[in-house]
PDB file of N, CA and C in Angstrom:
ATOM      1  N   MET A   1       9.708 -31.954 -17.650  1.00  0.00           N
ATOM      2  CA  MET A   1       8.733 -31.470 -17.793  1.00  0.00           C
ATOM      3  C   MET A   1       7.520 -31.648 -17.073  1.00  0.00           C
ATOM      4  N   HIS A   2       6.039 -31.044 -16.908  1.00  0.00           N
ATOM      5  CA  HIS A   2       5.730 -31.491 -16.562  1.00  0.00           C
ATOM      6  C   HIS A   2       4.684 -31.584 -17.335  1.00  0.00           C
ATOM      7  N   ASP A   3       3.471 -32.977 -16.244  1.00  0.00           N
ATOM      8  CA  ASP A   3       2.711 -33.452 -17.353  1.00  0.00           C
ATOM      9  C   ASP A   3       1.511 -32.430 -17.195  1.00  0.00           C
ATOM     10  N   GLU A   4       1.016 -32.012 -18.731  1.00  0.00           N
ATOM     11  CA  GLU A   4       0.116 -31.396 -18.869  1.00  0.00           C
ATOM     12  C   GLU A   4      -1.495 -31.675 -18.606  1.00  0.00           C
ATOM     13  N   ASN A   5      -1.245 -32.746 -18.531  1.00  0.00           N
ATOM     14  CA  ASN A   5      -2.881 -33.692 -17.931  1.00  0.00           C
ATOM     15  C   ASN A   5      -3.326 -33.631 -16.350  1.00  0.00           C
ATOM     16  N   SER A   6      -1.796 -33.417 -15.641  1.00  0.00           N
ATOM     17  CA  SER A   6      -1.899 -32.777 -14.175  1.00  0.00           C
ATOM     18  C   SER A   6      -1.476 -32.132 -13.882  1.00  0.00           C
ATOM     19  N   PRO A   7      -2.612 -31.230 -12.297  1.00  0.00           N
ATOM     20  CA  PRO A   7      -2.550 -29.630 -12.278  1.00  0.00           C
ATOM     21  C   PRO A   7      -0.860 -29.618 -12.097  1.00  0.00           C
ATOM     22  N   LEU A   8      -0.970 -28.235 -12.172  1.00  0.00           N
ATOM     23  CA  LEU A   8       0.904 -27.463 -11.990  1.00  0.00           C
ATOM     24  C   LEU A   8       0.602 -27.308 -10.314  1.00  0.00           C
ATOM     25  N   VAL A   9      -0.092 -26.976  -9.646  1.00  0.00           N
ATOM     26  CA  VAL A   9      -0.484 -26.999  -8.208  1.00  0.00           C
ATOM     27  C   VAL A   9      -0.916 -28.528  -7.124  1.00  0.00           C
ATOM     28  N   ASN A  10      -0.534 -29.002  -6.055  1.00  0.00           N
ATOM     29  CA  ASN A  10      -0.833 -29.793  -5.808  1.00  0.00           C
ATOM     30  C   ASN A  10      -1.743 -29.147  -4.862  1.00  0.00           C
ATOM     31  N   PHE A  11      -2.859 -28.650  -4.515  1.00  0.00           N
ATOM     32  CA  PHE A  11      -2.679 -28.326  -3.653  1.00  0.00           C
ATOM     33  C   PHE A  11      -3.683 -28.715  -1.906  1.00  0.00           C
ATOM     34  N   GLU A  12      -3.624 -30.262  -2.350  1.00  0.00           N
ATOM     35  CA  GLU A  12      -3.575 -30.939  -0.897  1.00  0.00           C
ATOM     36  C   GLU A  12      -2.475 -30.832  -0.537  1.00  0.00           C
ATOM     37  N   LYS A  13      -1.121 -30.912  -1.348  1.00  0.00           N
ATOM     38  CA  LYS A  13       0.048 -30.871   0.022  1.00  0.00           C
ATOM     39  C   LYS A  13       0.109 -29.044   0.366  1.00  0.00           C
ATOM     40  N   LEU A  14      -0.252 -28.577  -0.389  1.00  0.00           N
ATOM     41  CA  LEU A  14      -0.110 -27.083   0.123  1.00  0.00           C
ATOM     42  C   LEU A  14      -1.429 -26.680   1.264  1.00  0.00           C
ATOM     43  N   ARG A  15      -1.926 -27.485   1.241  1.00  0.00           N
ATOM     44  CA  ARG A  15      -3.028 -27.351   2.655  1.00  0.00           C
ATOM     45  C   ARG A  15      -2.502 -27.922   3.987  1.00  0.00           C
ATOM     46  N   ASP A  16      -1.670 -28.842   3.213  1.00  0.00           N
ATOM     47  CA  ASP A  16      -1.380 -29.895   4.566  1.00  0.00           C
ATOM     48  C   ASP A  16      -0.057 -29.268   5.526  1.00  0.00           C
ATOM     49  N   SER A  17       0.586 -28.161   4.426  1.00  0.00           N
ATOM     50  CA  SER A  17       1.645 -27.236   5.000  1.00  0.00           C
ATOM     51  C   SER A  17       0.661 -26.288   5.865  1.00  0.00           C
ATOM     52  N   GLY A  18      -0.504 -25.843   5.931  1.00  0.00           N
ATOM     53  CA  GLY A  18      -1.101 -24.942   6.723  1.00  0.00           C
ATOM     54  C   GLY A  18      -1.647 -23.945   5.799  1.00  0.00           C
ATOM     55  N   TRP A  19      -1.607 -23.605   4.607  1.00  0.00           N
ATOM     56  CA  TRP A  19      -1.834 -22.861   3.906  1.00  0.00           C
ATOM     57  C   TRP A  19      -3.306 -23.156   4.219  1.00  0.00           C
ATOM     58  N   ILE A  20      -4.172 -21.866   3.949  1.00  0.00           N
ATOM     59  CA  ILE A  20      -5.728 -21.539   3.292  1.00  0.00           C
ATOM     60  C   ILE A  20      -6.104 -20.608   2.297  1.00  0.00           C
ATOM     61  N   LYS A  21      -5.208 -19.725   1.867  1.00  0.00           N
ATOM     62  CA  LYS A  21      -5.663 -19.182   0.561  1.00  0.00           C
ATOM     63  C   LYS A  21      -4.275 -18.437   0.846  1.00  0.00           C
ATOM     64  N   SER A  22      -4.597 -17.789  -0.688  1.00  0.00           N
ATOM     65  CA  SER A  22      -2.590 -16.938  -0.993  1.00  0.00           C
ATOM     66  C   SER A  22      -3.850 -15.191  -0.999  1.00  0.00           C
ATOM     67  N   THR A  23      -3.093 -14.059  -1.156  1.00  0.00           N
ATOM     68  CA  THR A  23      -2.936 -12.954  -0.872  1.00  0.00           C
ATOM     69  C   THR A  23      -2.497 -12.519  -2.260  1.00  0.00           C
ATOM     70  N   VAL A  24      -2.490 -11.684  -2.920  1.00  0.00           N
ATOM     71  CA  VAL A  24      -1.269 -10.885  -4.055  1.00  0.00           C
ATOM     72  C   VAL A  24      -1.260  -9.549  -3.708  1.00  0.00           C
ATOM     73  N   ASN A  25       0.142  -9.528  -3.656  1.00  0.00           N
ATOM     74  CA  ASN A  25       0.590  -8.070  -3.293  1.00  0.00           C
ATOM     75  C   ASN A  25       1.241  -6.770  -3.738  1.00  0.00           C
ATOM     76  N   GLU A  26       1.793  -7.727  -5.053  1.00  0.00           N
ATOM     77  CA  GLU A  26       1.759  -7.206  -6.209  1.00  0.00           C
ATOM     78  C   GLU A  26       1.569  -7.455  -7.614  1.00  0.00           C
ATOM     79  N   ILE A  27       1.208  -7.076  -8.520  1.00  0.00           N
ATOM     80  CA  ILE A  27       0.491  -7.652 -10.324  1.00  0.00           C
ATOM     81  C   ILE A  27       2.055  -6.797 -10.674  1.00  0.00           C
ATOM     82  N   GLU A  28       2.617  -7.122 -11.858  1.00  0.00           N
ATOM     83  CA  GLU A  28       3.614  -6.120 -12.902  1.00  0.00           C
ATOM     84  C   GLU A  28       3.257  -7.089 -14.020  1.00  0.00           C
ATOM     85  N   VAL A  29       2.383  -6.364 -14.815  1.00  0.00           N
ATOM     86  CA  VAL A  29       2.676  -6.895 -16.819  1.00  0.00           C
ATOM     87  C   VAL A  29       3.994  -6.137 -17.230  1.00  0.00           C
ATOM     88  N   ILE A  30       4.473  -7.641 -17.787  1.00  0.00           N
ATOM     89  CA  ILE A  30       5.965  -7.341 -18.754  1.00  0.00           C
ATOM     90  C   ILE A  30       5.591  -7.480 -19.907  1.00  0.00           C
ATOM     91  N   TYR A  31       4.633  -7.633 -20.534  1.00  0.00           N
ATOM     92  CA  TYR A  31       4.585  -8.460 -21.978  1.00  0.00           C
ATOM     93  C   TYR A  31       2.680  -9.040 -21.537  1.00  0.00           C
ATOM     94  N   ALA A  32       1.570  -7.706 -22.632  1.00  0.00           N
ATOM     95  CA  ALA A  32       0.307  -8.502 -22.976  1.00  0.00           C
ATOM     96  C   ALA A  32       0.141  -8.407 -24.635  1.00  0.00           C
ATOM     97  N   THR A  33      -0.343  -9.491 -24.974  1.00  0.00           N
ATOM     98  CA  THR A  33      -1.628  -9.483 -25.938  1.00  0.00           C
ATOM     99  C   THR A  33      -2.004  -9.937 -26.031  1.00  0.00           C
ATOM    100  N   GLU A  34      -3.406  -9.810 -27.298  1.00  0.00           N
ATOM    101  CA  GLU A  34      -4.870 -10.408 -26.461  1.00  0.00           C
ATOM    102  C   GLU A  34      -4.917 -11.782 -25.978  1.00  0.00           C
ATOM    103  N   ASP A  35      -3.994 -12.530 -26.261  1.00  0.00           N
ATOM    104  CA  ASP A  35      -4.336 -14.313 -26.225  1.00  0.00           C
ATOM    105  C   ASP A  35      -2.693 -14.336 -25.570  1.00  0.00           C
ATOM    106  N   LYS A  36      -2.224 -13.458 -25.022  1.00  0.00           N
ATOM    107  CA  LYS A  36      -0.749 -13.896 -24.251  1.00  0.00           C
ATOM    108  C   LYS A  36      -0.563 -12.863 -23.125  1.00  0.00           C
ATOM    109  N   SER A  37       0.190 -13.138 -21.680  1.00  0.00           N
ATOM    110  CA  SER A  37       1.027 -12.178 -21.251  1.00  0.00           C
ATOM    111  C   SER A  37       1.863 -13.296 -20.438  1.00  0.00           C
ATOM    112  N   LEU A  38       2.418 -12.203 -19.920  1.00  0.00           N
ATOM    113  CA  LEU A  38       4.188 -12.374 -19.071  1.00  0.00           C
ATOM    114  C   LEU A  38       3.976 -10.989 -18.094  1.00  0.00           C
ATOM    115  N   VAL A  39       3.835 -12.307 -16.714  1.00  0.00           N
ATOM    116  CA  VAL A  39       3.472 -10.816 -15.751  1.00  0.00           C
ATOM    117  C   VAL A  39       4.417 -11.710 -14.521  1.00  0.00           C
ATOM    118  N   ARG A  40       4.531 -10.257 -13.420  1.00  0.00           N
ATOM    119  CA  ARG A  40       5.635 -10.958 -12.298  1.00  0.00           C
ATOM    120  C   ARG A  40       4.502 -10.701 -11.316  1.00  0.00           C
ATOM    121  N   LEU A  41       3.998 -11.693 -10.450  1.00  0.00           N
ATOM    122  CA  LEU A  41       3.559 -12.192  -9.738  1.00  0.00           C
ATOM    123  C   LEU A  41       3.888 -11.705  -8.605  1.00  0.00           C
ATOM    124  N   ASN A  42       3.667 -10.721  -6.895  1.00  0.00           N
ATOM    125  CA  ASN A  42       4.233 -11.423  -6.011  1.00  0.00           C
ATOM    126  C   ASN A  42       3.444 -11.828  -4.735  1.00  0.00           C
ATOM    127  N   PHE A  43       3.493 -13.008  -3.972  1.00  0.00           N
ATOM    128  CA  PHE A  43       2.023 -13.414  -3.746  1.00  0.00           C
ATOM    129  C   PHE A  43       2.650 -13.601  -1.781  1.00  0.00           C
ATOM    130  N   SER A  44       1.521 -13.494  -1.239  1.00  0.00           N
ATOM    131  CA  SER A  44       1.713 -14.009   0.273  1.00  0.00           C
ATOM    132  C   SER A  44       0.541 -15.567   0.117  1.00  0.00           C
ATOM    133  N   ARG A  45       1.231 -16.647   0.778  1.00  0.00           N
ATOM    134  CA  ARG A  45       0.549 -17.558   1.519  1.00  0.00           C
ATOM    135  C   ARG A  45      -0.114 -17.733   2.937  1.00  0.00           C
ATOM    136  N   ILE A  46      -1.329 -17.744   3.347  1.00  0.00           N
ATOM    137  CA  ILE A  46      -1.680 -17.087   4.404  1.00  0.00           C
ATOM    138  C   ILE A  46      -2.278 -18.355   4.970  1.00  0.00           C
ATOM    139  N   ASN A  47      -2.132 -18.823   6.210  1.00  0.00           N
ATOM    140  CA  ASN A  47      -2.356 -19.888   7.110  1.00  0.00           C
ATOM    141  C   ASN A  47      -4.219 -19.567   8.073  1.00  0.00           C
ATOM    142  N   LYS A  48      -4.015 -20.299   8.406  1.00  0.00           N
ATOM    143  CA  LYS A  48      -5.112 -20.209   8.998  1.00  0.00           C
ATOM    144  C   LYS A  48      -6.438 -19.130  10.468  1.00  0.00           C
ATOM    145  N   GLU A  49      -4.300 -18.524  10.678  1.00  0.00           N
ATOM    146  CA  GLU A  49      -4.255 -17.550  11.991  1.00  0.00           C
ATOM    147  C   GLU A  49      -3.798 -16.028  11.178  1.00  0.00           C
ATOM    148  N   GLN A  50      -4.776 -16.285  10.382  1.00  0.00           N
ATOM    149  CA  GLN A  50      -4.224 -15.006   9.250  1.00  0.00           C
ATOM    150  C   GLN A  50      -2.690 -14.748   9.428  1.00  0.00           C
ATOM    151  N   GLU A  51      -1.481 -15.421   9.554  1.00  0.00           N
ATOM    152  CA  GLU A  51      -0.381 -15.209   9.129  1.00  0.00           C
ATOM    153  C   GLU A  51       0.515 -15.574   8.061  1.00  0.00           C
ATOM    154  N   VAL A  52       1.504 -15.154   7.157  1.00  0.00           N
ATOM    155  CA  VAL A  52       1.732 -15.238   6.228  1.00  0.00           C
ATOM    156  C   VAL A  52       2.662 -16.299   6.925  1.00  0.00           C
ATOM    157  N   ILE A  53       2.651 -17.476   5.480  1.00  0.00           N
ATOM    158  CA  ILE A  53       3.556 -18.594   6.061  1.00  0.00           C
ATOM    159  C   ILE A  53       4.859 -18.000   5.036  1.00  0.00           C
ATOM    160  N   VAL A  54       4.682 -18.126   3.884  1.00  0.00           N
ATOM    161  CA  VAL A  54       5.733 -17.211   3.015  1.00  0.00           C
ATOM    162  C   VAL A  54       5.243 -16.611   1.786  1.00  0.00           C
ATOM    163  N   THR A  55       6.309 -15.170   1.269  1.00  0.00           N
ATOM    164  CA  THR A  55       5.972 -14.473   0.513  1.00  0.00           C
ATOM    165  C   THR A  55       6.762 -14.675  -0.602  1.00  0.00           C
ATOM    166  N   LYS A  56       7.081 -14.903  -2.103  1.00  0.00           N
ATOM    167  CA  LYS A  56       7.465 -15.126  -2.644  1.00  0.00           C
ATOM    168  C   LYS A  56       6.918 -14.415  -4.068  1.00  0.00           C
ATOM    169  N   ASP A  57       7.799 -14.173  -4.983  1.00  0.00           N
ATOM    170  CA  ASP A  57       7.586 -13.710  -6.650  1.00  0.00           C
ATOM    171  C   ASP A  57       7.821 -14.712  -7.240  1.00  0.00           C
ATOM    172  N   GLY A  58       6.845 -14.559  -8.815  1.00  0.00           N
ATOM    173  CA  GLY A  58       6.576 -15.875  -9.587  1.00  0.00           C
ATOM    174  C   GLY A  58       6.696 -15.001 -10.715  1.00  0.00           C
ATOM    175  N   ILE A  59       7.498 -15.600 -11.852  1.00  0.00           N
ATOM    176  CA  ILE A  59       7.000 -15.257 -13.308  1.00  0.00           C
ATOM    177  C   ILE A  59       5.703 -16.219 -13.976  1.00  0.00           C
ATOM    178  N   TYR A  60       4.727 -15.874 -14.301  1.00  0.00           N
ATOM    179  CA  TYR A  60       3.761 -16.260 -14.979  1.00  0.00           C
ATOM    180  C   TYR A  60       3.463 -16.122 -16.377  1.00  0.00           C
ATOM    181  N   ASN A  61       3.483 -17.400 -17.250  1.00  0.00           N
ATOM    182  CA  ASN A  61       3.066 -17.306 -19.085  1.00  0.00           C
ATOM    183  C   ASN A  61       1.680 -17.286 -19.303  1.00  0.00           C
ATOM    184  N   PHE A  62       0.835 -16.124 -19.267  1.00  0.00           N
ATOM    185  CA  PHE A  62      -0.898 -16.763 -19.700  1.00  0.00           C
ATOM    186  C   PHE A  62      -1.101 -17.033 -20.733  1.00  0.00           C
ATOM    187  N   LYS A  63      -1.836 -18.081 -21.195  1.00  0.00           N
ATOM    188  CA  LYS A  63      -2.124 -17.996 -22.864  1.00  0.00           C
ATOM    189  C   LYS A  63      -3.359 -18.501 -22.620  1.00  0.00           C
ATOM    190  N   LYS A  64      -4.168 -17.718 -23.740  1.00  0.00           N
ATOM    191  CA  LYS A  64      -5.547 -17.692 -24.151  1.00  0.00           C
ATOM    192  C   LYS A  64      -5.588 -19.035 -24.957  1.00  0.00           C
ATOM    193  N   ILE A  65      -6.631 -19.995 -24.132  1.00  0.00           N
ATOM    194  CA  ILE A  65      -7.028 -21.196 -25.236  1.00  0.00           C
ATOM    195  C   ILE A  65      -8.341 -21.242 -24.713  1.00  0.00           C
ATOM    196  N   ASN A  66      -8.866 -21.831 -25.974  1.00  0.00           N
ATOM    197  CA  ASN A  66     -10.875 -21.664 -26.396  1.00  0.00           C
ATOM    198  C   ASN A  66     -11.425 -20.586 -25.434  1.00  0.00           C
ATOM    199  N   GLY A  67     -10.593 -19.668 -25.563  1.00  0.00           N
ATOM    200  CA  GLY A  67     -11.404 -17.985 -24.867  1.00  0.00           C
ATOM    201  C   GLY A  67     -11.164 -17.589 -23.715  1.00  0.00           C
ATOM    202  N   LYS A  68     -10.786 -18.826 -23.228  1.00  0.00           N
ATOM    203  CA  LYS A  68      -9.736 -18.631 -21.402  1.00  0.00           C
ATOM    204  C   LYS A  68      -8.710 -18.022 -20.753  1.00  0.00           C
ATOM    205  N   LEU A  69      -7.976 -17.216 -20.801  1.00  0.00           N
ATOM    206  CA  LEU A  69      -6.317 -17.396 -19.725  1.00  0.00           C
ATOM    207  C   LEU A  69      -6.326 -18.461 -19.248  1.00  0.00           C
ATOM    208  N   GLY A  70      -4.997 -19.218 -18.808  1.00  0.00           N
ATOM    209  CA  GLY A  70      -4.435 -20.175 -18.176  1.00  0.00           C
ATOM    210  C   GLY A  70      -2.992 -20.236 -18.232  1.00  0.00           C
ATOM    211  N   ILE A  71      -2.461 -20.472 -16.757  1.00  0.00           N
ATOM    212  CA  ILE A  71      -0.838 -20.657 -16.704  1.00  0.00           C
ATOM    213  C   ILE A  71      -0.348 -21.911 -18.042  1.00  0.00           C
ATOM    214  N   GLU A  72       0.603 -20.528 -18.747  1.00  0.00           N
ATOM    215  CA  GLU A  72       1.000 -21.985 -19.536  1.00  0.00           C
ATOM    216  C   GLU A  72       2.571 -22.345 -18.432  1.00  0.00           C
ATOM    217  N   VAL A  73       2.850 -21.288 -18.487  1.00  0.00           N
ATOM    218  CA  VAL A  73       4.582 -21.910 -17.637  1.00  0.00           C
ATOM    219  C   VAL A  73       4.564 -21.043 -16.211  1.00  0.00           C
ATOM    220  N   LEU A  74       4.906 -21.503 -15.474  1.00  0.00           N
ATOM    221  CA  LEU A  74       5.431 -20.799 -13.819  1.00  0.00           C
ATOM    222  C   LEU A  74       6.583 -20.823 -14.149  1.00  0.00           C
ATOM    223  N   PHE A  75       7.136 -19.659 -13.334  1.00  0.00           N
ATOM    224  CA  PHE A  75       8.956 -19.747 -13.778  1.00  0.00           C
ATOM    225  C   PHE A  75       9.157 -19.020 -11.789  1.00  0.00           C
ATOM    226  N   ASP A  76       9.910 -19.639 -11.309  1.00  0.00           N
ATOM    227  CA  ASP A  76      10.439 -19.848  -9.958  1.00  0.00           C
ATOM    228  C   ASP A  76      11.462 -20.247  -9.297  1.00  0.00           C
ATOM    229  N   GLY A  77      11.844 -19.386  -8.751  1.00  0.00           N
ATOM    230  CA  GLY A  77      13.930 -19.451  -8.644  1.00  0.00           C
ATOM    231  C   GLY A  77      13.512 -19.929  -6.976  1.00  0.00           C
ATOM    232  N   SER A  78      12.746 -19.988  -6.258  1.00  0.00           N
ATOM    233  CA  SER A  78      12.537 -20.386  -4.955  1.00  0.00           C
ATOM    234  C   SER A  78      12.513 -21.807  -4.801  1.00  0.00           C
ATOM    235  N   LYS A  79      13.292 -22.513  -3.618  1.00  0.00           N
ATOM    236  CA  LYS A  79      13.786 -23.476  -3.292  1.00  0.00           C
ATOM    237  C   LYS A  79      12.409 -24.232  -1.837  1.00  0.00           C
ATOM    238  N   ASP A  80      12.044 -23.291  -1.512  1.00  0.00           N
ATOM    239  CA  ASP A  80      11.149 -23.876  -0.399  1.00  0.00           C
ATOM    240  C   ASP A  80       9.031 -23.406  -1.077  1.00  0.00           C
ATOM    241  N   LEU A  81       9.030 -22.954  -2.280  1.00  0.00           N
ATOM    242  CA  LEU A  81       8.060 -22.302  -3.016  1.00  0.00           C
ATOM    243  C   LEU A  81       7.328 -24.272  -4.009  1.00  0.00           C
ATOM    244  N   HIS A  82       6.354 -24.989  -2.677  1.00  0.00           N
ATOM    245  CA  HIS A  82       6.159 -26.735  -3.122  1.00  0.00           C
ATOM    246  C   HIS A  82       4.910 -26.033  -4.333  1.00  0.00           C
ATOM    247  N   LEU A  83       4.837 -27.241  -4.780  1.00  0.00           N
ATOM    248  CA  LEU A  83       3.892 -27.215  -6.146  1.00  0.00           C
ATOM    249  C   LEU A  83       3.467 -27.947  -6.203  1.00  0.00           C
ATOM    250  N   ASN A  84       4.282 -29.186  -6.236  1.00  0.00           N
ATOM    251  CA  ASN A  84       3.848 -30.333  -5.880  1.00  0.00           C
ATOM    252  C   ASN A  84       4.471 -31.426  -5.235  1.00  0.00           C
TER     253      ASN A  84
END
């Protein structure tokens, strides 16, 4: 279980891996309502040389809270996609 009071992604650890940004390659909306959505997202992590470090698929469940969409759940089967 993830502690909802701590960030889902540890960006400091990502930066230590050489990551400087991510780019979205493809988005597929699987389900969407006014307040929730389920989305498949293919993205690449890029280093300072503009080289792709890794390309991954993730399934994101977004939920609107206080008028803003946020990531409620992130599903990823990749053993090398470091989040924390």
